[in-house]
N, C-alpha and C. Protein backbone atom coordinates (compact mmCIF):
# COMPACT_ATOMS: atom_id res chain seq x y z
N MET A 1 127.50 47.54 76.21
CA MET A 1 126.54 46.51 75.85
C MET A 1 125.34 47.13 75.12
N VAL A 2 124.84 46.37 74.19
CA VAL A 2 123.62 46.70 73.47
C VAL A 2 122.62 45.62 73.84
N TYR A 3 121.37 45.99 74.00
CA TYR A 3 120.34 45.03 74.37
C TYR A 3 119.41 44.80 73.18
N VAL A 4 119.33 43.55 72.74
CA VAL A 4 118.49 43.20 71.59
C VAL A 4 117.48 42.16 72.05
N ASN A 5 116.21 42.53 71.96
CA ASN A 5 115.12 41.65 72.38
C ASN A 5 115.36 41.10 73.79
N GLY A 6 115.87 41.96 74.67
CA GLY A 6 116.08 41.59 76.06
C GLY A 6 117.39 40.91 76.36
N ASN A 7 118.19 40.60 75.35
CA ASN A 7 119.49 39.94 75.55
C ASN A 7 120.62 40.94 75.35
N SER A 8 121.61 40.90 76.22
CA SER A 8 122.74 41.81 76.06
C SER A 8 123.75 41.21 75.09
N ILE A 9 124.27 42.07 74.21
CA ILE A 9 125.30 41.65 73.27
C ILE A 9 126.44 42.65 73.31
N SER A 10 127.63 42.17 73.03
CA SER A 10 128.79 43.05 72.93
C SER A 10 128.80 43.63 71.53
N ASN A 11 129.19 44.88 71.42
CA ASN A 11 129.29 45.49 70.09
C ASN A 11 130.69 46.03 69.88
N SER A 12 131.67 45.19 70.13
CA SER A 12 133.06 45.63 69.99
C SER A 12 133.42 45.94 68.54
N ASP A 13 132.61 45.43 67.59
CA ASP A 13 132.87 45.69 66.16
C ASP A 13 132.24 46.99 65.68
N ASN A 14 131.48 47.67 66.56
CA ASN A 14 130.77 48.89 66.18
C ASN A 14 129.93 48.69 64.91
N LEU A 15 129.13 47.64 64.94
CA LEU A 15 128.29 47.32 63.79
C LEU A 15 127.18 48.34 63.60
N CYS A 16 126.79 48.50 62.34
CA CYS A 16 125.57 49.25 62.08
C CYS A 16 124.41 48.26 62.22
N LEU A 17 123.23 48.79 62.35
CA LEU A 17 122.04 47.96 62.54
C LEU A 17 121.88 46.96 61.39
N TYR A 18 122.06 47.42 60.17
CA TYR A 18 121.92 46.55 59.00
C TYR A 18 122.87 45.35 59.09
N ASP A 19 124.15 45.60 59.37
CA ASP A 19 125.13 44.51 59.45
C ASP A 19 124.80 43.54 60.57
N TYR A 20 124.32 44.06 61.70
CA TYR A 20 123.93 43.18 62.80
C TYR A 20 122.78 42.26 62.37
N LEU A 21 121.76 42.84 61.74
CA LEU A 21 120.60 42.05 61.33
C LEU A 21 121.00 40.96 60.34
N ILE A 22 121.83 41.30 59.37
CA ILE A 22 122.29 40.32 58.38
C ILE A 22 123.11 39.23 59.07
N ARG A 23 124.02 39.61 59.96
CA ARG A 23 124.86 38.64 60.66
C ARG A 23 124.02 37.64 61.45
N GLU A 24 122.91 38.13 62.02
CA GLU A 24 122.05 37.27 62.83
C GLU A 24 121.02 36.50 62.01
N GLY A 25 121.03 36.69 60.70
CA GLY A 25 120.16 35.90 59.83
C GLY A 25 118.77 36.48 59.58
N TYR A 26 118.55 37.73 59.98
CA TYR A 26 117.24 38.34 59.72
C TYR A 26 117.12 38.69 58.24
N LYS A 27 115.91 38.57 57.71
CA LYS A 27 115.62 39.01 56.35
C LYS A 27 115.07 40.43 56.47
N ILE A 28 115.81 41.39 55.94
CA ILE A 28 115.51 42.81 56.11
C ILE A 28 114.08 43.14 55.69
N SER A 29 113.58 42.49 54.64
CA SER A 29 112.21 42.81 54.18
C SER A 29 111.14 42.41 55.17
N PHE A 30 111.47 41.51 56.10
CA PHE A 30 110.46 40.96 56.99
C PHE A 30 110.64 41.35 58.45
N VAL A 31 111.36 42.44 58.72
CA VAL A 31 111.53 42.87 60.10
C VAL A 31 111.15 44.34 60.26
N ALA A 32 110.80 44.67 61.48
CA ALA A 32 110.65 46.06 61.91
C ALA A 32 111.54 46.20 63.13
N VAL A 33 112.19 47.35 63.26
CA VAL A 33 113.14 47.54 64.35
C VAL A 33 112.81 48.82 65.11
N GLU A 34 112.83 48.68 66.43
CA GLU A 34 112.68 49.82 67.33
C GLU A 34 114.00 50.00 68.07
N CYS A 35 114.47 51.23 68.16
CA CYS A 35 115.70 51.53 68.88
C CYS A 35 115.40 52.63 69.89
N ASN A 36 115.57 52.32 71.16
CA ASN A 36 115.35 53.28 72.24
C ASN A 36 113.97 53.93 72.16
N GLY A 37 112.98 53.11 71.80
CA GLY A 37 111.60 53.59 71.79
C GLY A 37 111.13 54.21 70.49
N PHE A 38 112.00 54.26 69.48
CA PHE A 38 111.63 54.86 68.19
C PHE A 38 111.80 53.84 67.07
N ILE A 39 110.83 53.81 66.15
CA ILE A 39 110.93 52.93 64.99
C ILE A 39 112.05 53.46 64.08
N VAL A 40 112.91 52.55 63.63
CA VAL A 40 113.99 52.91 62.72
C VAL A 40 113.53 52.60 61.30
N PRO A 41 113.44 53.62 60.43
CA PRO A 41 113.06 53.35 59.04
C PRO A 41 114.12 52.48 58.36
N LYS A 42 113.69 51.59 57.49
CA LYS A 42 114.62 50.68 56.81
C LYS A 42 115.75 51.43 56.10
N ASN A 43 115.46 52.60 55.56
CA ASN A 43 116.50 53.33 54.83
C ASN A 43 117.56 53.92 55.76
N GLN A 44 117.40 53.75 57.08
CA GLN A 44 118.40 54.23 58.04
C GLN A 44 119.16 53.09 58.72
N TYR A 45 118.87 51.84 58.35
CA TYR A 45 119.53 50.70 59.00
C TYR A 45 121.04 50.76 58.84
N LYS A 46 121.54 51.20 57.69
CA LYS A 46 122.99 51.25 57.46
C LYS A 46 123.64 52.45 58.15
N GLU A 47 122.85 53.45 58.49
CA GLU A 47 123.38 54.65 59.16
C GLU A 47 123.39 54.52 60.67
N LYS A 48 122.52 53.69 61.22
CA LYS A 48 122.39 53.56 62.68
C LYS A 48 123.49 52.65 63.21
N ILE A 49 124.49 53.26 63.86
CA ILE A 49 125.56 52.50 64.50
C ILE A 49 125.08 52.11 65.89
N LEU A 50 125.19 50.83 66.22
CA LEU A 50 124.79 50.37 67.54
C LEU A 50 125.79 50.90 68.57
N THR A 51 125.27 51.53 69.62
CA THR A 51 126.14 52.12 70.64
C THR A 51 125.74 51.59 72.01
N ASP A 52 126.70 51.62 72.93
CA ASP A 52 126.45 51.13 74.29
C ASP A 52 125.19 51.75 74.87
N GLY A 53 124.36 50.91 75.44
CA GLY A 53 123.13 51.36 76.07
C GLY A 53 121.91 51.32 75.17
N ASP A 54 122.11 51.10 73.87
CA ASP A 54 120.96 51.01 72.97
C ASP A 54 120.08 49.83 73.36
N VAL A 55 118.78 50.05 73.28
CA VAL A 55 117.80 48.99 73.52
C VAL A 55 117.06 48.78 72.20
N ILE A 56 117.28 47.62 71.61
CA ILE A 56 116.75 47.30 70.29
C ILE A 56 115.70 46.21 70.42
N GLU A 57 114.60 46.39 69.72
CA GLU A 57 113.58 45.34 69.60
C GLU A 57 113.43 45.04 68.12
N VAL A 58 113.60 43.77 67.76
CA VAL A 58 113.45 43.33 66.38
C VAL A 58 112.22 42.44 66.31
N VAL A 59 111.31 42.78 65.41
CA VAL A 59 110.09 42.00 65.23
C VAL A 59 110.11 41.44 63.81
N SER A 60 109.96 40.13 63.70
CA SER A 60 109.92 39.47 62.39
C SER A 60 108.47 39.17 62.03
N PHE A 61 108.15 39.39 60.77
CA PHE A 61 106.82 39.08 60.28
C PHE A 61 106.84 37.70 59.65
N VAL A 62 105.88 36.88 60.03
CA VAL A 62 105.80 35.51 59.54
C VAL A 62 104.41 35.28 58.97
N GLY A 63 104.37 34.75 57.77
CA GLY A 63 103.09 34.45 57.15
C GLY A 63 102.61 33.06 57.56
N GLY A 64 101.37 32.85 57.40
CA GLY A 64 100.83 31.53 57.73
C GLY A 64 99.32 31.57 57.66
N GLY A 65 98.74 30.47 57.92
CA GLY A 65 97.30 30.43 57.80
C GLY A 65 96.64 29.64 58.87
């Protein structure tokens, strides 16, 4: 299991972080991602394979006034 924003998800497809974010509808330009306590640079999203036990926090930036 992988934990994303406190929810457990199965990663039987061995997705990379980028593919997971796209599948879930996140806009890559407007998110920041932490994995196991470390910020993941955007240029590493395609390299980071989600593995059992990973704890991911995804933060979306929203504009407004």
